[in-house]
N, C-alpha and C. Protein backbone atom coordinates (compact mmCIF):
# COMPACT_ATOMS: atom_id res chain seq x y z
N MET A 1 19.35 19.97 -10.20
CA MET A 1 17.94 19.51 -10.16
C MET A 1 18.00 18.38 -8.86
N PRO A 2 17.39 18.60 -8.03
CA PRO A 2 17.48 17.72 -6.67
C PRO A 2 16.82 16.39 -7.11
N LEU A 3 17.19 15.29 -6.52
CA LEU A 3 16.71 14.04 -6.40
C LEU A 3 15.15 13.95 -6.67
N ALA A 4 14.45 13.31 -7.09
CA ALA A 4 13.06 13.21 -6.65
C ALA A 4 12.39 11.64 -6.73
N LEU A 5 11.53 11.22 -5.92
CA LEU A 5 11.00 10.00 -5.57
C LEU A 5 10.40 9.44 -6.96
N HIS A 6 10.86 8.52 -7.34
CA HIS A 6 10.17 7.81 -8.51
C HIS A 6 9.49 6.63 -8.14
N HIS A 7 9.68 5.50 -7.69
CA HIS A 7 8.85 4.57 -7.19
C HIS A 7 9.00 4.31 -5.82
N ILE A 8 7.90 3.40 -5.33
CA ILE A 8 8.30 2.90 -4.00
C ILE A 8 8.08 1.69 -4.55
N VAL A 9 8.94 0.24 -4.16
CA VAL A 9 9.10 -0.73 -4.27
C VAL A 9 9.13 -1.70 -3.49
N ILE A 10 8.20 -2.63 -3.44
CA ILE A 10 7.73 -3.56 -2.77
C ILE A 10 8.21 -5.00 -3.36
N ASP A 11 8.45 -5.77 -2.47
CA ASP A 11 9.00 -7.30 -2.83
C ASP A 11 8.09 -7.99 -2.79
N ALA A 12 7.72 -8.77 -3.59
CA ALA A 12 6.26 -10.01 -3.81
C ALA A 12 7.16 -11.22 -4.25
N GLN A 13 6.26 -11.88 -3.84
CA GLN A 13 6.34 -13.47 -4.18
C GLN A 13 5.41 -13.58 -5.67
N ASP A 14 4.17 -13.27 -5.43
CA ASP A 14 3.35 -13.07 -6.68
C ASP A 14 3.12 -11.67 -7.05
N LEU A 15 3.91 -11.40 -8.05
CA LEU A 15 3.93 -9.55 -8.30
C LEU A 15 2.39 -9.20 -9.23
N PRO A 16 2.13 -9.92 -10.13
CA PRO A 16 0.57 -10.06 -10.64
C PRO A 16 -0.46 -9.73 -9.68
N ALA A 17 -0.24 -10.45 -8.68
CA ALA A 17 -1.60 -10.39 -7.75
C ALA A 17 -1.62 -9.19 -6.64
N LEU A 18 -0.02 -9.05 -6.34
CA LEU A 18 -0.01 -7.99 -5.35
C LEU A 18 -0.34 -6.50 -5.92
N ALA A 19 0.05 -6.45 -7.07
CA ALA A 19 0.11 -5.38 -8.06
C ALA A 19 -1.32 -4.93 -8.14
N ARG A 20 -2.16 -6.18 -8.66
CA ARG A 20 -3.61 -6.13 -8.81
C ARG A 20 -4.00 -5.23 -7.62
N PHE A 21 -4.10 -5.73 -6.37
CA PHE A 21 -4.46 -5.63 -4.85
C PHE A 21 -4.77 -4.17 -4.61
N TRP A 22 -3.03 -3.67 -4.85
CA TRP A 22 -2.35 -2.26 -4.46
C TRP A 22 -3.24 -1.54 -5.58
N ALA A 23 -3.27 -1.75 -6.75
CA ALA A 23 -4.09 -0.91 -7.93
C ALA A 23 -5.54 -0.84 -7.33
N GLU A 24 -6.03 -1.66 -7.24
CA GLU A 24 -7.58 -1.83 -6.43
C GLU A 24 -7.81 -1.05 -5.27
N VAL A 25 -6.85 -1.09 -4.46
CA VAL A 25 -6.55 -0.31 -3.22
C VAL A 25 -6.69 1.12 -3.68
N LEU A 26 -5.76 1.45 -4.30
CA LEU A 26 -5.39 2.58 -4.69
C LEU A 26 -6.56 3.61 -5.69
N GLY A 27 -7.15 2.77 -6.35
CA GLY A 27 -7.62 3.03 -7.74
C GLY A 27 -7.13 3.57 -8.84
N TRP A 28 -5.84 2.95 -8.88
CA TRP A 28 -4.63 3.22 -9.84
C TRP A 28 -4.99 2.02 -10.70
N ARG A 29 -4.01 1.77 -11.89
CA ARG A 29 -3.75 1.07 -12.77
C ARG A 29 -2.73 0.23 -13.15
N ILE A 30 -2.64 -0.80 -13.32
CA ILE A 30 -1.27 -1.48 -13.86
C ILE A 30 -0.70 -0.51 -14.86
N LEU A 31 0.49 -0.67 -15.15
CA LEU A 31 1.26 0.65 -16.04
C LEU A 31 1.83 -0.26 -16.94
N SER A 32 2.76 -1.41 -16.12
CA SER A 32 3.90 -2.34 -16.93
C SER A 32 3.97 -3.55 -16.21
N GLU A 33 3.61 -4.66 -17.13
CA GLU A 33 3.60 -5.80 -16.21
C GLU A 33 4.98 -6.74 -17.14
N ARG A 34 5.72 -6.84 -16.41
CA ARG A 34 6.92 -7.74 -17.37
C ARG A 34 7.06 -8.77 -15.95
N GLU A 35 7.89 -10.01 -16.50
CA GLU A 35 8.07 -11.04 -15.54
C GLU A 35 8.80 -10.94 -13.99
N ARG A 36 9.52 -9.49 -14.31
CA ARG A 36 10.44 -9.55 -12.96
C ARG A 36 9.87 -8.08 -12.55
N GLU A 37 8.95 -7.27 -12.75
CA GLU A 37 8.78 -6.13 -12.64
C GLU A 37 7.01 -5.64 -13.29
N VAL A 38 6.40 -5.19 -12.20
CA VAL A 38 4.79 -4.67 -12.48
C VAL A 38 4.87 -3.44 -11.52
N VAL A 39 4.54 -2.60 -12.60
CA VAL A 39 4.54 -0.89 -12.23
C VAL A 39 3.04 -0.65 -11.88
N ILE A 40 2.75 0.06 -11.00
CA ILE A 40 1.17 0.43 -11.04
C ILE A 40 1.28 2.12 -10.66
N GLY A 41 0.53 2.91 -11.13
CA GLY A 41 0.38 4.55 -10.59
C GLY A 41 -1.16 4.57 -11.46
N PRO A 42 -1.21 6.09 -10.76
CA PRO A 42 -2.49 6.42 -11.66
C PRO A 42 -2.57 6.76 -13.07
N ASP A 43 -1.49 7.21 -13.66
CA ASP A 43 -1.27 7.25 -14.85
C ASP A 43 0.28 7.09 -15.22
N PRO A 44 0.95 6.93 -16.56
CA PRO A 44 1.81 6.64 -16.92
C PRO A 44 2.88 8.14 -16.48
N THR A 45 2.29 9.12 -16.58
CA THR A 45 2.97 10.70 -16.42
C THR A 45 2.94 10.92 -14.92
N ALA A 46 2.27 10.18 -13.94
CA ALA A 46 2.53 10.30 -12.56
C ALA A 46 3.84 10.46 -11.87
N PRO A 47 4.00 11.47 -11.17
CA PRO A 47 5.48 11.75 -10.68
C PRO A 47 6.01 10.59 -9.78
N VAL A 48 4.88 9.72 -9.03
CA VAL A 48 5.69 8.73 -8.35
C VAL A 48 4.59 7.35 -8.53
N GLY A 49 5.04 6.11 -8.35
CA GLY A 49 4.07 4.98 -8.40
C GLY A 49 5.04 3.82 -7.77
N ILE A 50 4.35 2.76 -7.53
CA ILE A 50 4.79 1.55 -6.98
C ILE A 50 5.16 0.43 -7.88
N CYS A 51 6.16 -0.15 -7.76
CA CYS A 51 6.71 -1.12 -8.48
C CYS A 51 7.11 -2.39 -7.60
N PHE A 52 6.33 -3.50 -8.40
CA PHE A 52 6.52 -4.79 -7.56
C PHE A 52 7.78 -5.71 -8.12
N MET A 53 8.69 -6.08 -7.49
CA MET A 53 9.91 -6.81 -7.44
C MET A 53 9.75 -8.23 -7.20
N PRO A 54 10.36 -9.06 -7.81
CA PRO A 54 10.07 -10.59 -7.23
C PRO A 54 10.81 -10.78 -5.88
N VAL A 55 10.63 -11.89 -5.32
CA VAL A 55 11.54 -12.49 -4.25
C VAL A 55 11.18 -13.84 -3.79
N THR A 56 11.92 -14.65 -3.58
CA THR A 56 11.55 -16.21 -3.00
C THR A 56 11.18 -16.45 -1.78
N ASP A 57 11.82 -15.42 -0.91
CA ASP A 57 11.23 -15.63 0.72
C ASP A 57 10.03 -15.21 0.84
N ARG A 58 9.40 -15.56 2.28
CA ARG A 58 8.17 -14.96 2.54
C ARG A 58 8.45 -13.88 3.55
N LYS A 59 7.90 -12.81 3.67
CA LYS A 59 7.95 -11.84 4.75
C LYS A 59 7.93 -12.43 6.13
N VAL A 60 8.67 -12.12 7.05
CA VAL A 60 8.61 -12.86 8.51
C VAL A 60 8.78 -11.72 9.53
N THR A 61 8.92 -10.62 9.10
CA THR A 61 9.48 -9.58 10.59
C THR A 61 8.63 -8.29 9.93
N LYS A 62 8.15 -7.45 11.12
CA LYS A 62 7.61 -6.40 10.82
C LYS A 62 8.24 -5.22 9.66
N ASN A 63 7.45 -4.65 8.50
CA ASN A 63 8.03 -4.15 7.77
C ASN A 63 8.79 -2.88 8.41
N ARG A 64 9.92 -2.36 7.92
CA ARG A 64 10.94 -1.33 7.95
C ARG A 64 10.09 0.19 7.48
N LEU A 65 9.52 -0.40 6.52
CA LEU A 65 8.92 1.05 6.01
C LEU A 65 7.53 0.65 5.49
N HIS A 66 6.50 1.33 5.76
CA HIS A 66 5.20 0.96 5.07
C HIS A 66 4.75 2.22 4.41
N LEU A 67 3.39 2.06 4.12
CA LEU A 67 2.39 3.05 3.39
C LEU A 67 1.44 3.66 4.22
N ASP A 68 1.15 4.93 4.41
CA ASP A 68 0.04 5.32 4.93
C ASP A 68 -0.77 5.90 4.07
N LEU A 69 -2.34 5.29 4.18
CA LEU A 69 -3.22 5.74 3.42
C LEU A 69 -4.24 6.74 4.42
N THR A 70 -4.84 7.61 3.45
CA THR A 70 -5.96 8.47 4.50
C THR A 70 -6.86 8.49 3.48
N SER A 71 -8.22 9.17 4.07
CA SER A 71 -9.36 9.39 2.98
C SER A 71 -10.07 10.23 3.89
N ALA A 72 -11.20 10.79 3.48
CA ALA A 72 -12.32 11.55 4.10
C ALA A 72 -12.74 11.02 5.34
N ALA A 73 -13.16 11.49 6.50
CA ALA A 73 -13.50 11.23 7.97
C ALA A 73 -14.57 10.52 7.94
N GLU A 74 -15.70 10.89 7.12
CA GLU A 74 -16.94 10.12 6.71
C GLU A 74 -16.61 8.67 5.80
N ASP A 75 -15.57 8.64 5.23
CA ASP A 75 -15.33 7.61 4.08
C ASP A 75 -14.50 6.38 5.11
N ARG A 76 -13.58 7.01 5.91
CA ARG A 76 -12.70 6.14 6.68
C ARG A 76 -12.99 4.47 6.76
N GLU A 77 -14.19 4.48 7.83
CA GLU A 77 -14.28 2.85 7.95
C GLU A 77 -14.94 2.18 6.98
N ASP A 78 -15.85 2.98 5.74
CA ASP A 78 -16.04 2.05 4.67
C ASP A 78 -14.82 1.89 3.98
N GLU A 79 -13.87 2.61 3.77
CA GLU A 79 -12.49 1.94 2.94
C GLU A 79 -11.74 1.23 3.62
N ILE A 80 -11.79 1.19 4.84
CA ILE A 80 -11.26 0.01 5.73
C ILE A 80 -12.10 -1.23 5.36
N GLU A 81 -13.53 -1.30 5.51
CA GLU A 81 -13.86 -2.59 4.99
C GLU A 81 -13.74 -2.68 3.33
N ARG A 82 -13.75 -1.87 2.83
CA ARG A 82 -13.46 -2.31 1.34
C ARG A 82 -12.06 -2.95 1.24
N ILE A 83 -11.29 -2.38 1.64
CA ILE A 83 -9.58 -2.80 1.74
C ILE A 83 -9.70 -4.34 2.41
N LEU A 84 -10.35 -4.37 3.24
CA LEU A 84 -10.35 -5.88 3.94
C LEU A 84 -11.13 -6.87 2.78
N ALA A 85 -12.05 -6.39 2.44
CA ALA A 85 -12.92 -7.28 1.49
C ALA A 85 -11.94 -7.62 0.04
N LEU A 86 -11.13 -6.87 -0.10
CA LEU A 86 -10.18 -7.06 -1.31
C LEU A 86 -9.15 -8.04 -0.99
N GLY A 87 -8.84 -8.45 0.55
CA GLY A 87 -7.60 -9.54 0.87
C GLY A 87 -6.92 -9.08 1.94
N ALA A 88 -6.91 -7.68 2.46
CA ALA A 88 -6.08 -7.32 3.53
C ALA A 88 -6.73 -7.95 4.92
N ARG A 89 -5.68 -7.60 5.98
CA ARG A 89 -6.32 -8.24 7.40
C ARG A 89 -5.82 -7.41 8.34
N ARG A 90 -6.16 -7.24 9.40
CA ARG A 90 -6.40 -6.41 10.47
C ARG A 90 -4.73 -6.93 11.31
N VAL A 91 -3.89 -5.86 11.77
CA VAL A 91 -2.89 -6.48 12.27
C VAL A 91 -2.52 -6.11 13.48
N ASP A 92 -2.07 -6.57 14.67
CA ASP A 92 -1.58 -5.75 15.83
C ASP A 92 -0.26 -5.95 15.71
N VAL A 93 0.42 -4.80 15.69
CA VAL A 93 1.95 -4.61 15.91
C VAL A 93 2.31 -4.13 17.30
N GLY A 94 1.42 -3.68 18.03
CA GLY A 94 1.55 -3.26 19.41
C GLY A 94 0.97 -1.90 19.68
N GLN A 95 -0.01 -1.39 18.54
CA GLN A 95 -0.69 -0.24 18.67
C GLN A 95 -1.74 -0.37 20.04
N SER A 96 -2.03 0.60 20.65
CA SER A 96 -3.29 0.82 21.65
C SER A 96 -4.69 0.88 20.78
N ALA A 97 -5.49 1.00 21.57
CA ALA A 97 -6.98 1.19 20.85
C ALA A 97 -7.00 2.59 20.73
N ASP A 98 -6.32 3.37 21.14
CA ASP A 98 -6.52 4.79 20.91
C ASP A 98 -5.42 5.58 19.81
N GLU A 99 -5.27 4.80 19.10
CA GLU A 99 -4.61 5.36 17.83
C GLU A 99 -5.33 5.82 17.01
N SER A 100 -4.69 6.89 16.46
CA SER A 100 -5.80 7.65 14.95
C SER A 100 -5.32 6.63 13.67
N TRP A 101 -5.02 5.56 13.92
CA TRP A 101 -4.50 5.09 12.58
C TRP A 101 -4.95 3.33 12.85
N THR A 102 -5.26 2.57 11.79
CA THR A 102 -5.61 1.44 11.56
C THR A 102 -4.50 0.46 10.79
N VAL A 103 -4.04 -0.42 11.63
CA VAL A 103 -3.25 -1.26 10.86
C VAL A 103 -3.47 -2.46 10.31
N LEU A 104 -3.25 -2.63 8.90
CA LEU A 104 -3.87 -3.35 8.20
C LEU A 104 -2.39 -4.37 7.17
N ALA A 105 -2.35 -5.42 6.62
CA ALA A 105 -1.60 -6.10 5.92
C ALA A 105 -2.17 -6.67 4.68
N ASP A 106 -1.25 -6.29 3.67
CA ASP A 106 -1.88 -6.86 2.34
C ASP A 106 -1.86 -8.33 2.14
N PRO A 107 -2.19 -9.12 1.05
CA PRO A 107 -2.11 -10.15 1.14
C PRO A 107 -0.83 -10.98 1.19
N GLU A 108 0.31 -10.26 1.01
CA GLU A 108 1.56 -11.34 1.44
C GLU A 108 2.02 -10.75 2.70
N GLY A 109 1.47 -10.03 3.52
CA GLY A 109 1.73 -9.41 5.02
C GLY A 109 2.40 -8.16 5.19
N ASN A 110 2.47 -7.22 4.05
CA ASN A 110 3.18 -6.12 4.38
C ASN A 110 2.48 -5.36 4.91
N GLU A 111 2.71 -4.39 6.07
CA GLU A 111 1.76 -3.69 7.02
C GLU A 111 1.18 -2.18 6.13
N PHE A 112 0.25 -1.77 6.53
CA PHE A 112 0.36 -0.24 6.08
C PHE A 112 -0.92 -0.04 7.15
N CYS A 113 -0.93 1.33 7.16
CA CYS A 113 -1.99 2.20 7.86
C CYS A 113 -3.00 2.75 7.08
N VAL A 114 -4.24 3.00 7.70
CA VAL A 114 -5.28 4.08 7.35
C VAL A 114 -4.94 4.89 8.34
N VAL A 115 -4.62 5.75 7.84
CA VAL A 115 -5.00 7.08 9.21
C VAL A 115 -5.90 8.00 9.05
N ARG A 116 -5.90 8.69 10.24
CA ARG A 116 -6.95 9.86 9.98
C ARG A 116 -6.77 10.76 9.07
N PRO A 117 -8.22 11.48 8.92
CA PRO A 117 -8.15 12.23 7.47
C PRO A 117 -6.90 13.38 7.54
N LYS A 118 -6.25 13.59 6.33
CA LYS A 118 -5.20 14.55 6.38
C LYS A 118 -5.29 15.46 5.22
N ALA A 119 -4.97 16.63 5.61
CA ALA A 119 -5.27 17.76 4.28
C ALA A 119 -3.53 18.37 3.72
N THR A 120 -2.71 17.77 4.46
CA THR A 120 -1.26 18.11 4.28
C THR A 120 -0.12 16.96 4.64
N LEU A 121 0.86 16.90 4.40
CA LEU A 121 1.82 16.25 4.74
C LEU A 121 2.32 16.22 6.34
N VAL A 122 1.87 17.45 7.08
CA VAL A 122 2.44 17.52 8.24
C VAL A 122 1.52 17.77 9.26
N GLY A 123 0.05 17.79 8.55
CA GLY A 123 -1.15 18.20 9.34
C GLY A 123 -1.99 17.08 9.47
């Protein structure tokens, strides 16, 4: 059997707070909460989740890995505003005004994008 993606791991200073933010953004829930690990996902049997692990230092440079989120075209701007209301902020990483994505950062500064609506991984 080939390897399968299990968790995307995000380093965090405040694990519970960042896990709650992402659970709310994605409509997921906290599945496991321990002192050194918080896991979120749509449900315990989902194939992939996000795991938050502790770090003591603050994020200071652009992410080498980030999440891309998508929604229906008619919901995109409303979803961006909802995420901003949850504590995200807009970020300039050198994008132009003509991009098909909006760059945001979570409460700890991790960049992520809300991209144009997508139906497939390559479309």
